[in-house]
Amino acid sequence: MARANAEEVRRRLGLPTRYWLVVARFVPKKNLERMIAGYAMQARRATGPRRALVLSGSGPFEPALRERARAEGVEREVHFPGFLQYSDLPACYGLADALVLPSTSDQWGLVV
């Protein structure tokens, strides 16, 4: 369903055309700073079209994550659409090129 209405869904949710997706609380154990660093490393080495990185969620670590993206030089490619409602997640997953779970520990892994 999301792919049939992809442009409308992307516009409504603030999603780029091609992206890797992380859905998480913005807390240290989710390893999101390292995710941004790894994304930046890959982006510097990429020779073809690059995917954006979408970090969906919220939490106290958000200012640090935004600063990390800026420091790594990828602030235009790392998107923060905020907390997405449960009803929007299937479309967000369906349009993503990949779902990434970078947590150092995750007792439930509900995102997957």
N, C-alpha and C. Protein backbone atom coordinates (compact mmCIF):
# COMPACT_ATOMS: atom_id res chain seq x y z
N MET A 1 0.81 -1.19 0.00
CA MET A 1 0.00 0.00 0.00
C MET A 1 0.86 1.26 0.00
N ALA A 2 1.92 1.28 0.82
CA ALA A 2 2.77 2.48 0.89
C ALA A 2 3.45 2.76 -0.44
N ARG A 3 3.86 1.72 -1.14
CA ARG A 3 4.55 1.94 -2.41
C ARG A 3 3.62 2.45 -3.50
N ALA A 4 2.36 2.11 -3.42
CA ALA A 4 1.39 2.61 -4.39
C ALA A 4 1.19 4.11 -4.23
N ASN A 5 1.33 4.61 -3.02
CA ASN A 5 1.16 6.04 -2.72
C ASN A 5 2.47 6.61 -2.16
N ALA A 6 3.59 6.17 -2.67
CA ALA A 6 4.88 6.47 -2.07
C ALA A 6 5.14 7.97 -1.93
N GLU A 7 4.88 8.75 -2.95
CA GLU A 7 5.17 10.18 -2.87
C GLU A 7 4.33 10.86 -1.80
N GLU A 8 3.07 10.52 -1.72
CA GLU A 8 2.20 11.12 -0.71
C GLU A 8 2.65 10.73 0.70
N VAL A 9 3.00 9.46 0.88
CA VAL A 9 3.44 8.97 2.18
C VAL A 9 4.76 9.65 2.57
N ARG A 10 5.71 9.74 1.64
CA ARG A 10 6.98 10.40 1.93
C ARG A 10 6.77 11.86 2.33
N ARG A 11 5.91 12.54 1.61
CA ARG A 11 5.64 13.95 1.92
C ARG A 11 5.00 14.09 3.29
N ARG A 12 4.02 13.25 3.59
CA ARG A 12 3.29 13.32 4.86
C ARG A 12 4.20 13.02 6.05
N LEU A 13 5.09 12.05 5.89
CA LEU A 13 5.97 11.63 6.99
C LEU A 13 7.33 12.32 6.97
N GLY A 14 7.60 13.11 5.94
CA GLY A 14 8.88 13.80 5.86
C GLY A 14 10.04 12.86 5.57
N LEU A 15 9.82 11.89 4.68
CA LEU A 15 10.84 10.89 4.36
C LEU A 15 11.52 11.19 3.03
N PRO A 16 12.83 10.93 2.94
CA PRO A 16 13.52 11.07 1.66
C PRO A 16 13.15 9.94 0.70
N THR A 17 13.61 10.03 -0.53
CA THR A 17 13.27 9.03 -1.54
C THR A 17 13.88 7.66 -1.23
N ARG A 18 15.17 7.61 -0.93
CA ARG A 18 15.85 6.35 -0.62
C ARG A 18 16.51 6.52 0.75
N TYR A 19 16.30 5.53 1.64
CA TYR A 19 16.85 5.69 2.98
C TYR A 19 17.00 4.38 3.71
N TRP A 20 17.90 4.43 4.71
CA TRP A 20 18.03 3.38 5.72
C TRP A 20 17.28 3.89 6.94
N LEU A 21 16.62 3.02 7.63
CA LEU A 21 15.74 3.42 8.72
C LEU A 21 16.19 2.85 10.06
N VAL A 22 16.19 3.72 11.07
CA VAL A 22 16.39 3.32 12.46
C VAL A 22 15.19 3.86 13.23
N VAL A 23 14.52 2.99 13.99
CA VAL A 23 13.40 3.39 14.84
C VAL A 23 13.82 3.05 16.26
N ALA A 24 13.96 4.10 17.11
CA ALA A 24 14.49 3.86 18.45
C ALA A 24 14.23 5.05 19.36
N ARG A 25 14.31 4.77 20.66
CA ARG A 25 14.39 5.86 21.63
C ARG A 25 15.78 6.45 21.52
N PHE A 26 15.91 7.74 21.68
CA PHE A 26 17.21 8.38 21.57
C PHE A 26 17.88 8.39 22.94
N VAL A 27 18.46 7.22 23.28
CA VAL A 27 19.19 7.02 24.52
C VAL A 27 20.51 6.33 24.17
N PRO A 28 21.54 6.45 25.02
CA PRO A 28 22.87 5.91 24.68
C PRO A 28 22.91 4.44 24.27
N LYS A 29 22.16 3.56 24.93
CA LYS A 29 22.29 2.13 24.62
C LYS A 29 21.79 1.77 23.21
N LYS A 30 21.13 2.69 22.56
CA LYS A 30 20.67 2.43 21.19
C LYS A 30 21.78 2.63 20.17
N ASN A 31 22.95 3.14 20.63
CA ASN A 31 24.17 3.20 19.81
C ASN A 31 24.01 4.09 18.57
N LEU A 32 23.22 5.13 18.68
CA LEU A 32 22.90 5.95 17.52
C LEU A 32 24.05 6.87 17.11
N GLU A 33 24.88 7.29 18.05
CA GLU A 33 26.05 8.09 17.66
C GLU A 33 26.98 7.26 16.77
N ARG A 34 27.19 6.02 17.12
CA ARG A 34 28.03 5.15 16.29
C ARG A 34 27.36 4.88 14.94
N MET A 35 26.04 4.78 14.94
CA MET A 35 25.31 4.60 13.69
C MET A 35 25.58 5.78 12.76
N ILE A 36 25.51 6.99 13.30
CA ILE A 36 25.76 8.19 12.49
C ILE A 36 27.21 8.20 12.00
N ALA A 37 28.16 7.84 12.87
CA ALA A 37 29.57 7.79 12.47
C ALA A 37 29.78 6.76 11.36
N GLY A 38 29.17 5.59 11.49
CA GLY A 38 29.28 4.56 10.45
C GLY A 38 28.64 4.99 9.15
N TYR A 39 27.49 5.64 9.27
CA TYR A 39 26.82 6.16 8.08
C TYR A 39 27.73 7.18 7.37
N ALA A 40 28.32 8.08 8.14
CA ALA A 40 29.19 9.11 7.57
C ALA A 40 30.40 8.46 6.87
N MET A 41 30.97 7.44 7.48
CA MET A 41 32.10 6.75 6.87
C MET A 41 31.69 6.12 5.54
N GLN A 42 30.55 5.46 5.53
CA GLN A 42 30.05 4.86 4.30
C GLN A 42 29.76 5.94 3.26
N ALA A 43 29.18 7.05 3.67
CA ALA A 43 28.83 8.12 2.75
C ALA A 43 30.08 8.70 2.08
N ARG A 44 31.16 8.82 2.84
CA ARG A 44 32.41 9.35 2.28
C ARG A 44 33.01 8.40 1.24
N ARG A 45 32.77 7.11 1.41
CA ARG A 45 33.35 6.11 0.51
C ARG A 45 32.45 5.75 -0.67
N ALA A 46 31.18 6.12 -0.60
CA ALA A 46 30.22 5.73 -1.64
C ALA A 46 30.59 6.36 -2.98
N THR A 47 30.44 5.58 -4.03
CA THR A 47 30.73 6.08 -5.37
C THR A 47 29.44 6.32 -6.17
N GLY A 48 28.36 5.70 -5.77
CA GLY A 48 27.09 5.88 -6.47
C GLY A 48 26.13 6.71 -5.66
N PRO A 49 24.87 6.66 -6.02
CA PRO A 49 23.86 7.42 -5.27
C PRO A 49 23.82 6.96 -3.81
N ARG A 50 23.70 7.92 -2.91
CA ARG A 50 23.69 7.59 -1.50
C ARG A 50 22.26 7.57 -0.97
N ARG A 51 22.04 6.68 -0.02
CA ARG A 51 20.78 6.66 0.70
C ARG A 51 20.90 7.62 1.88
N ALA A 52 19.78 8.18 2.28
CA ALA A 52 19.75 9.00 3.48
C ALA A 52 19.65 8.07 4.69
N LEU A 53 19.81 8.62 5.86
CA LEU A 53 19.61 7.88 7.11
C LEU A 53 18.46 8.56 7.84
N VAL A 54 17.43 7.79 8.15
CA VAL A 54 16.27 8.31 8.87
C VAL A 54 16.32 7.75 10.29
N LEU A 55 16.42 8.64 11.27
CA LEU A 55 16.39 8.26 12.68
C LEU A 55 15.03 8.69 13.23
N SER A 56 14.14 7.74 13.35
CA SER A 56 12.80 8.03 13.85
C SER A 56 12.74 7.72 15.33
N GLY A 57 12.26 8.67 16.10
CA GLY A 57 12.13 8.48 17.53
C GLY A 57 12.30 9.81 18.23
N SER A 58 12.49 9.73 19.52
CA SER A 58 12.71 10.93 20.33
C SER A 58 13.40 10.50 21.61
N GLY A 59 13.88 11.48 22.34
CA GLY A 59 14.51 11.19 23.62
C GLY A 59 15.56 12.21 23.97
N PRO A 60 16.12 12.09 25.15
CA PRO A 60 17.04 13.09 25.67
C PRO A 60 18.35 13.21 24.89
N PHE A 61 18.68 12.23 24.10
CA PHE A 61 19.95 12.21 23.37
C PHE A 61 19.86 12.92 22.00
N GLU A 62 18.67 13.41 21.65
CA GLU A 62 18.50 14.01 20.31
C GLU A 62 19.46 15.17 20.02
N PRO A 63 19.65 16.13 20.93
CA PRO A 63 20.61 17.20 20.61
C PRO A 63 22.01 16.67 20.31
N ALA A 64 22.46 15.67 21.03
CA ALA A 64 23.78 15.08 20.79
C ALA A 64 23.84 14.40 19.43
N LEU A 65 22.75 13.77 19.03
CA LEU A 65 22.71 13.08 17.74
C LEU A 65 22.74 14.09 16.59
N ARG A 66 22.00 15.16 16.74
CA ARG A 66 22.02 16.20 15.72
C ARG A 66 23.41 16.82 15.61
N GLU A 67 24.05 17.03 16.74
CA GLU A 67 25.41 17.58 16.75
C GLU A 67 26.39 16.60 16.10
N ARG A 68 26.23 15.32 16.37
CA ARG A 68 27.12 14.31 15.76
C ARG A 68 26.97 14.31 14.25
N ALA A 69 25.73 14.38 13.75
CA ALA A 69 25.51 14.44 12.30
C ALA A 69 26.18 15.67 11.71
N ARG A 70 26.08 16.81 12.40
CA ARG A 70 26.71 18.03 11.94
C ARG A 70 28.23 17.87 11.94
N ALA A 71 28.78 17.34 13.02
CA ALA A 71 30.23 17.16 13.14
C ALA A 71 30.78 16.21 12.08
N GLU A 72 29.99 15.22 11.71
CA GLU A 72 30.41 14.25 10.69
C GLU A 72 30.19 14.77 9.27
N GLY A 73 29.52 15.92 9.14
CA GLY A 73 29.28 16.50 7.82
C GLY A 73 28.13 15.87 7.06
N VAL A 74 27.21 15.20 7.76
CA VAL A 74 26.09 14.53 7.08
C VAL A 74 24.73 15.05 7.56
N GLU A 75 24.72 16.26 8.13
CA GLU A 75 23.47 16.78 8.68
C GLU A 75 22.36 16.90 7.64
N ARG A 76 22.70 17.07 6.36
CA ARG A 76 21.67 17.14 5.32
C ARG A 76 21.14 15.77 4.92
N GLU A 77 21.88 14.73 5.25
CA GLU A 77 21.49 13.38 4.86
C GLU A 77 20.88 12.57 6.01
N VAL A 78 21.00 13.07 7.23
CA VAL A 78 20.42 12.40 8.39
C VAL A 78 19.13 13.13 8.74
N HIS A 79 18.02 12.42 8.66
CA HIS A 79 16.70 13.00 8.86
C HIS A 79 16.13 12.57 10.21
N PHE A 80 15.49 13.49 10.88
CA PHE A 80 14.87 13.27 12.19
C PHE A 80 13.37 13.59 12.08
N PRO A 81 12.55 12.64 11.60
CA PRO A 81 11.13 12.95 11.47
C PRO A 81 10.37 12.95 12.78
N GLY A 82 11.05 12.65 13.87
CA GLY A 82 10.39 12.60 15.17
C GLY A 82 9.79 11.23 15.45
N PHE A 83 9.00 11.20 16.50
CA PHE A 83 8.32 9.97 16.88
C PHE A 83 7.20 9.71 15.88
N LEU A 84 7.21 8.55 15.25
CA LEU A 84 6.15 8.19 14.31
C LEU A 84 5.11 7.34 15.01
N GLN A 85 3.88 7.60 14.72
CA GLN A 85 2.78 6.83 15.29
C GLN A 85 2.86 5.38 14.80
N TYR A 86 2.40 4.47 15.63
CA TYR A 86 2.41 3.05 15.28
C TYR A 86 1.75 2.79 13.93
N SER A 87 0.68 3.51 13.65
CA SER A 87 -0.05 3.32 12.39
C SER A 87 0.76 3.77 11.17
N ASP A 88 1.77 4.63 11.36
CA ASP A 88 2.62 5.08 10.26
C ASP A 88 3.83 4.20 10.02
N LEU A 89 4.19 3.38 11.00
CA LEU A 89 5.42 2.58 10.88
C LEU A 89 5.41 1.59 9.72
N PRO A 90 4.33 0.86 9.43
CA PRO A 90 4.39 -0.06 8.29
C PRO A 90 4.76 0.64 6.98
N ALA A 91 4.22 1.81 6.74
CA ALA A 91 4.55 2.55 5.52
C ALA A 91 6.01 2.97 5.53
N CYS A 92 6.48 3.44 6.68
CA CYS A 92 7.86 3.87 6.82
C CYS A 92 8.81 2.70 6.57
N TYR A 93 8.49 1.53 7.14
CA TYR A 93 9.30 0.32 6.91
C TYR A 93 9.23 -0.08 5.44
N GLY A 94 8.04 -0.03 4.87
CA GLY A 94 7.84 -0.49 3.50
C GLY A 94 8.59 0.33 2.46
N LEU A 95 8.83 1.59 2.74
CA LEU A 95 9.54 2.45 1.80
C LEU A 95 11.04 2.48 2.03
N ALA A 96 11.50 1.95 3.15
CA ALA A 96 12.93 1.95 3.47
C ALA A 96 13.68 0.91 2.65
N ASP A 97 14.95 1.20 2.38
CA ASP A 97 15.81 0.21 1.72
C ASP A 97 16.32 -0.82 2.73
N ALA A 98 16.43 -0.41 3.99
CA ALA A 98 16.89 -1.32 5.03
C ALA A 98 16.46 -0.80 6.40
N LEU A 99 16.23 -1.72 7.31
CA LEU A 99 15.99 -1.40 8.72
C LEU A 99 17.27 -1.74 9.46
N VAL A 100 17.77 -0.81 10.27
CA VAL A 100 19.01 -1.01 11.00
C VAL A 100 18.70 -0.98 12.49
N LEU A 101 19.23 -1.94 13.22
CA LEU A 101 19.07 -2.01 14.67
C LEU A 101 20.47 -1.97 15.29
N PRO A 102 21.00 -0.77 15.57
CA PRO A 102 22.38 -0.66 16.05
C PRO A 102 22.56 -0.79 17.56
N SER A 103 21.54 -1.14 18.30
CA SER A 103 21.60 -1.19 19.77
C SER A 103 22.73 -2.06 20.27
N THR A 104 23.32 -1.64 21.39
CA THR A 104 24.32 -2.48 22.04
C THR A 104 23.63 -3.54 22.90
N SER A 105 22.40 -3.25 23.33
CA SER A 105 21.57 -4.25 24.01
C SER A 105 20.11 -3.86 23.80
N ASP A 106 19.29 -4.84 23.67
CA ASP A 106 17.87 -4.60 23.44
C ASP A 106 17.11 -5.80 23.96
N GLN A 107 16.48 -5.64 25.13
CA GLN A 107 15.86 -6.79 25.75
C GLN A 107 14.70 -7.38 24.94
N TRP A 108 14.03 -6.58 24.14
CA TRP A 108 12.88 -7.08 23.40
C TRP A 108 13.07 -7.02 21.88
N GLY A 109 13.71 -6.01 21.36
CA GLY A 109 13.87 -5.89 19.91
C GLY A 109 12.54 -5.72 19.20
N LEU A 110 11.61 -5.02 19.80
CA LEU A 110 10.26 -4.88 19.24
C LEU A 110 10.24 -4.23 17.86
N VAL A 111 11.20 -3.39 17.57
CA VAL A 111 11.26 -2.73 16.27
C VAL A 111 11.32 -3.76 15.15
N VAL A 112 12.10 -4.79 15.35
CA VAL A 112 12.23 -5.84 14.33
C VAL A 112 10.93 -6.61 14.27
